[in-house]
Amino acid sequence: MSRKLFFLLCVVSGIVLFIAQDFPKHSEASKRSPQGEFTLVRLIYPGGDSLNNWATDHPKADEQLVLGLRRVTGLDYVNPEPKAIHISDPELFEYPFAYAVEVSQMQLSDSEARTLREYLLRGGFLAVDDFHGDQEWGRFAAEMKEVFPEYEPVDLPLSHPIFNCFYDIDNLIQIPGLQYLYTGSVSEKGGTAPHYRGIIGPGGRIMVMITHNSDLGDAWEWADMPSYSSVYATRAYQLATNYVIYSMTH
């Protein structure tokens, strides 16, 4: 039985509905159980002024997301310990889902671009998040052009399966970072409109899911903060769950 089919059967047979207002507490991340079928991988990439932009919101955001996923899919099927793996590490190919943030700072070597291309064409899925405005979009798009010169990012319609493969997403809202509590603005760096784009490969499968002008990671990280709106946190968890289910079933 394939990994993707097994995971789908696990989800169908083991669903525990996630109560959106009952967000996981960070302290729960210390609990341990055997490794599950799905492992959340934070992609370590080179680039950025501080050389660790990849680590923004890490590890709390990842641990919070994993706790939410375990509630949705059943405790036995999601590894409680997320990982961080460098893009050049062969271990990356053991995990079909990778998550990267602040990707406008990504600066891949030719070898790393070839590795990412191979990972994605062989069935890997990359979800990117937390970059804002036209300038940051331009830098990321140029980097992806080095990986996939033959594919262009496209805006995904609400009818796309990634928005209804688990939760039925009825609107694509902007998910702000924690900064909105202090600035009063849900947007950053002029990125006022949320964009949900994909790089679609052979067979129509999304290889790269792009969440632009939003910050899902902050929403997971601060979901248990009373002042961070549950509307944003709920949608961030729903989107992430759909991304994972889609990646494991397509």
Protein backbone atom coordinates (compact mmCIF):
# COMPACT_ATOMS: atom_id res chain seq x y z
CA MET A 1 0.00 0.00 0.00
CA SER A 2 1.39 3.43 -0.90
CA ARG A 3 2.25 5.97 1.79
CA LYS A 4 -0.37 8.38 0.43
CA LEU A 5 -3.16 5.80 0.37
CA PHE A 6 -2.26 4.64 3.87
CA PHE A 7 -2.36 8.17 5.19
CA LEU A 8 -5.74 8.83 3.56
CA LEU A 9 -7.19 5.69 5.13
CA CYS A 10 -5.79 6.77 8.49
CA VAL A 11 -7.49 10.13 8.19
CA VAL A 12 -10.82 8.69 7.12
CA SER A 13 -10.82 6.08 9.87
CA GLY A 14 -9.30 8.18 12.62
CA ILE A 15 -10.77 11.68 12.33
CA VAL A 16 -11.10 13.66 15.50
CA LEU A 17 -12.81 16.97 14.73
CA PHE A 18 -10.62 19.92 15.66
CA ILE A 19 -12.43 22.38 17.89
CA ALA A 20 -11.19 25.67 16.52
CA GLN A 21 -11.43 27.63 19.75
CA ASP A 22 -9.59 24.96 21.77
CA PHE A 23 -6.09 25.66 20.53
CA PRO A 24 -3.13 23.52 21.55
CA LYS A 25 -0.92 24.75 24.36
CA HIS A 26 2.78 24.99 23.66
CA SER A 27 3.62 23.05 26.82
CA GLU A 28 1.94 20.00 25.32
CA ALA A 29 4.77 19.74 22.80
CA SER A 30 6.92 18.03 25.40
CA LYS A 31 4.72 14.94 25.24
CA ARG A 32 6.19 12.14 23.17
CA SER A 33 4.79 9.13 21.35
CA PRO A 34 6.02 6.88 18.55
CA GLN A 35 6.79 8.48 15.22
CA GLY A 36 3.73 8.73 13.00
CA GLU A 37 3.10 8.47 9.29
CA PHE A 38 3.42 12.22 8.70
CA THR A 39 6.33 14.38 9.85
CA LEU A 40 6.34 18.15 9.52
CA VAL A 41 9.67 19.31 8.07
CA ARG A 42 10.92 22.88 8.30
CA LEU A 43 13.12 23.54 5.27
CA ILE A 44 16.52 25.04 6.07
CA TYR A 45 17.72 27.15 3.16
CA PRO A 46 20.71 29.46 2.60
CA GLY A 47 20.27 33.22 2.35
CA GLY A 48 19.00 36.20 4.28
CA ASP A 49 20.79 38.96 6.15
CA SER A 50 20.95 36.97 9.37
CA LEU A 51 21.33 33.60 7.62
CA ASN A 52 18.54 32.14 9.74
CA ASN A 53 15.39 33.59 8.18
CA TRP A 54 14.35 29.98 7.65
CA ALA A 55 13.97 29.68 11.45
CA THR A 56 11.40 32.45 11.94
CA ASP A 57 8.75 31.29 14.46
CA HIS A 58 10.66 28.03 14.89
CA PRO A 59 10.17 25.78 16.78
CA LYS A 60 6.97 26.92 18.50
CA ALA A 61 4.90 27.46 15.35
CA ASP A 62 5.81 24.00 14.07
CA GLU A 63 5.06 22.34 17.40
CA GLN A 64 1.72 24.14 17.67
CA LEU A 65 0.76 23.05 14.16
CA VAL A 66 1.69 19.44 14.85
CA LEU A 67 -0.51 19.43 17.95
CA GLY A 68 -3.44 20.65 15.87
CA LEU A 69 -2.81 18.09 13.14
CA ARG A 70 -2.67 15.27 15.67
CA ARG A 71 -6.10 16.25 16.95
CA VAL A 72 -7.52 16.25 13.44
CA THR A 73 -5.99 13.07 12.02
CA GLY A 74 -5.72 10.86 15.10
CA LEU A 75 -2.81 10.72 17.52
CA ASP A 76 -1.07 7.75 15.94
CA TYR A 77 -0.58 9.21 12.46
CA VAL A 78 1.28 12.49 12.97
CA ASN A 79 4.79 12.53 14.38
CA PRO A 80 4.75 14.74 17.51
CA GLU A 81 8.32 15.86 16.80
CA PRO A 82 8.70 18.17 13.78
CA LYS A 83 12.10 18.27 12.10
CA ALA A 84 14.28 20.88 10.44
CA ILE A 85 16.26 19.62 7.44
CA HIS A 86 18.69 21.45 5.16
CA ILE A 87 17.73 21.56 1.52
CA SER A 88 20.95 19.76 0.56
CA ASP A 89 20.48 16.92 3.06
CA PRO A 90 19.44 13.63 1.37
CA GLU A 91 17.19 12.97 4.38
CA LEU A 92 14.76 15.52 2.92
CA PHE A 93 13.66 12.91 0.37
CA GLU A 94 12.33 10.72 3.17
CA TYR A 95 9.59 13.24 3.94
CA PRO A 96 6.96 14.31 1.37
CA PHE A 97 6.00 17.64 3.00
CA ALA A 98 8.24 20.63 3.68
CA TYR A 99 7.42 24.09 5.03
CA ALA A 100 9.47 27.24 4.45
CA VAL A 101 9.06 30.83 5.62
CA GLU A 102 10.40 34.25 4.59
CA VAL A 103 11.27 32.69 1.27
CA SER A 104 12.14 36.00 -0.39
CA GLN A 105 15.46 35.56 1.44
CA MET A 106 16.14 32.18 -0.17
CA GLN A 107 19.34 32.07 -2.22
CA LEU A 108 19.88 28.63 -3.69
CA SER A 109 23.03 27.44 -5.37
CA ASP A 110 22.66 25.67 -8.71
CA SER A 111 23.06 22.35 -6.91
CA GLU A 112 20.42 23.23 -4.31
CA ALA A 113 18.00 24.38 -7.00
CA ARG A 114 18.44 21.05 -8.79
CA THR A 115 17.89 19.18 -5.52
CA LEU A 116 14.67 21.07 -4.77
CA ARG A 117 13.46 20.47 -8.32
CA GLU A 118 14.12 16.74 -8.02
CA TYR A 119 12.43 16.57 -4.60
CA LEU A 120 9.28 18.22 -5.94
CA LEU A 121 9.12 16.29 -9.21
CA ARG A 122 9.49 13.03 -7.28
CA GLY A 123 6.34 13.78 -5.30
CA GLY A 124 7.49 16.23 -2.65
CA PHE A 125 5.34 19.19 -1.62
CA LEU A 126 6.61 22.57 -0.45
CA ALA A 127 4.37 25.04 1.40
CA VAL A 128 5.79 28.57 1.66
CA ASP A 129 4.56 31.35 3.91
CA ASP A 130 5.32 34.68 5.59
CA PHE A 131 6.57 36.97 2.85
CA HIS A 132 4.90 40.18 1.82
CA GLY A 133 4.65 42.84 -0.86
CA ASP A 134 5.72 43.06 -4.48
CA GLN A 135 9.44 43.26 -3.82
CA GLU A 136 9.55 40.08 -1.77
CA TRP A 137 7.30 38.35 -4.28
CA GLY A 138 9.65 39.28 -7.11
CA ARG A 139 12.67 37.82 -5.32
CA PHE A 140 10.91 34.55 -4.54
CA ALA A 141 9.45 34.22 -8.05
CA ALA A 142 12.91 34.72 -9.54
CA GLU A 143 14.32 32.01 -7.28
CA MET A 144 11.56 29.58 -8.29
CA LYS A 145 12.30 30.36 -11.94
CA GLU A 146 15.74 28.85 -11.36
CA VAL A 147 14.08 25.71 -10.01
CA PHE A 148 11.26 25.46 -12.56
CA PRO A 149 11.93 27.55 -15.67
CA GLU A 150 9.03 25.81 -17.40
CA TYR A 151 6.36 26.49 -14.76
CA GLU A 152 4.78 29.75 -13.58
CA PRO A 153 2.99 30.30 -10.27
CA VAL A 154 -0.76 30.66 -10.78
CA ASP A 155 -3.51 31.98 -8.54
CA LEU A 156 -5.62 29.08 -7.30
CA PRO A 157 -9.42 29.34 -7.46
CA LEU A 158 -11.47 28.63 -4.38
CA SER A 159 -12.82 25.58 -6.22
CA HIS A 160 -9.39 23.91 -6.28
CA PRO A 161 -9.29 20.60 -4.34
CA ILE A 162 -6.64 21.94 -1.96
CA PHE A 163 -9.30 24.19 -0.46
CA ASN A 164 -11.88 21.45 0.09
CA CYS A 165 -9.96 18.18 0.54
CA PHE A 166 -10.66 18.22 4.30
CA TYR A 167 -12.08 21.55 5.41
CA ASP A 168 -14.32 23.43 2.99
CA ILE A 169 -12.63 26.82 2.82
CA ASP A 170 -15.31 29.34 1.87
CA ASN A 171 -13.12 32.44 1.51
CA LEU A 172 -9.43 33.20 1.22
CA ILE A 173 -8.71 35.80 3.85
CA GLN A 174 -5.48 37.51 4.82
CA ILE A 175 -3.89 35.93 7.90
CA PRO A 176 -1.86 38.58 9.72
CA GLY A 177 1.24 38.19 11.81
CA LEU A 178 1.39 39.17 15.43
CA GLN A 179 2.36 42.68 14.39
CA TYR A 180 -1.28 43.56 13.64
CA LEU A 181 -1.97 43.69 17.38
CA TYR A 182 0.48 46.61 17.65
CA THR A 183 0.17 48.33 14.27
CA GLY A 184 -3.55 47.87 13.67
CA SER A 185 -2.80 46.68 10.12
CA VAL A 186 -3.28 43.13 8.88
CA SER A 187 -0.90 43.74 5.98
CA GLU A 188 2.86 44.21 5.83
CA LYS A 189 5.20 45.88 3.33
CA GLY A 190 2.35 46.99 1.08
CA GLY A 191 0.98 43.49 0.62
CA THR A 192 -2.67 44.36 1.14
CA ALA A 193 -4.21 41.52 -0.90
CA PRO A 194 -3.78 37.87 0.09
CA HIS A 195 -2.66 35.53 -2.67
CA TYR A 196 -2.89 31.75 -2.66
CA ARG A 197 -0.84 30.50 -5.57
CA GLY A 198 0.55 27.22 -6.74
CA ILE A 199 3.30 25.91 -8.97
CA ILE A 200 1.57 23.05 -10.73
CA GLY A 201 3.55 20.21 -12.20
CA PRO A 202 2.91 17.05 -14.21
CA GLY A 203 -0.56 15.61 -13.81
CA GLY A 204 -1.91 18.86 -12.41
CA ARG A 205 -0.44 18.29 -8.94
CA ILE A 206 0.52 21.30 -6.85
CA MET A 207 4.22 21.03 -6.08
CA VAL A 208 4.64 24.40 -4.35
CA MET A 209 1.78 25.96 -2.36
CA ILE A 210 2.40 29.68 -1.95
CA THR A 211 0.72 31.71 0.78
CA HIS A 212 1.71 35.30 -0.02
CA ASN A 213 0.86 38.37 2.08
CA SER A 214 -0.16 36.21 5.03
CA ASP A 215 1.59 34.71 8.03
CA LEU A 216 0.21 31.28 8.91
CA GLY A 217 3.19 30.56 11.14
CA ASP A 218 2.41 33.45 13.47
CA ALA A 219 -1.23 32.34 13.63
CA TRP A 220 -0.21 28.85 14.77
CA GLU A 221 2.43 30.19 17.13
CA TRP A 222 0.10 32.65 18.88
CA ALA A 223 -3.18 30.75 18.61
CA ASP A 224 -3.31 30.37 22.38
CA MET A 225 -2.87 34.11 22.96
CA PRO A 226 -6.32 35.56 23.84
CA SER A 227 -5.65 38.80 21.98
CA TYR A 228 -4.82 37.02 18.71
CA SER A 229 -8.13 36.59 16.86
CA SER A 230 -9.49 33.06 16.76
CA VAL A 231 -10.87 33.86 13.30
CA TYR A 232 -7.35 34.10 11.91
CA ALA A 233 -5.97 31.22 13.97
CA THR A 234 -8.80 28.91 12.98
CA ARG A 235 -8.36 29.61 9.28
CA ALA A 236 -4.59 29.15 9.53
CA TYR A 237 -5.04 25.69 11.06
CA GLN A 238 -7.67 24.77 8.48
CA LEU A 239 -5.46 25.81 5.58
CA ALA A 240 -2.46 23.93 6.96
CA THR A 241 -4.54 20.80 7.48
CA ASN A 242 -5.76 20.97 3.90
CA TYR A 243 -2.22 21.49 2.61
CA VAL A 244 -1.05 18.39 4.46
CA ILE A 245 -3.99 16.22 3.40
CA TYR A 246 -3.60 17.34 -0.21
CA SER A 247 0.12 16.65 -0.21
CA MET A 248 -0.39 13.14 1.17
CA THR A 249 -3.20 12.20 -1.18
CA HIS A 250 -2.11 13.67 -4.52
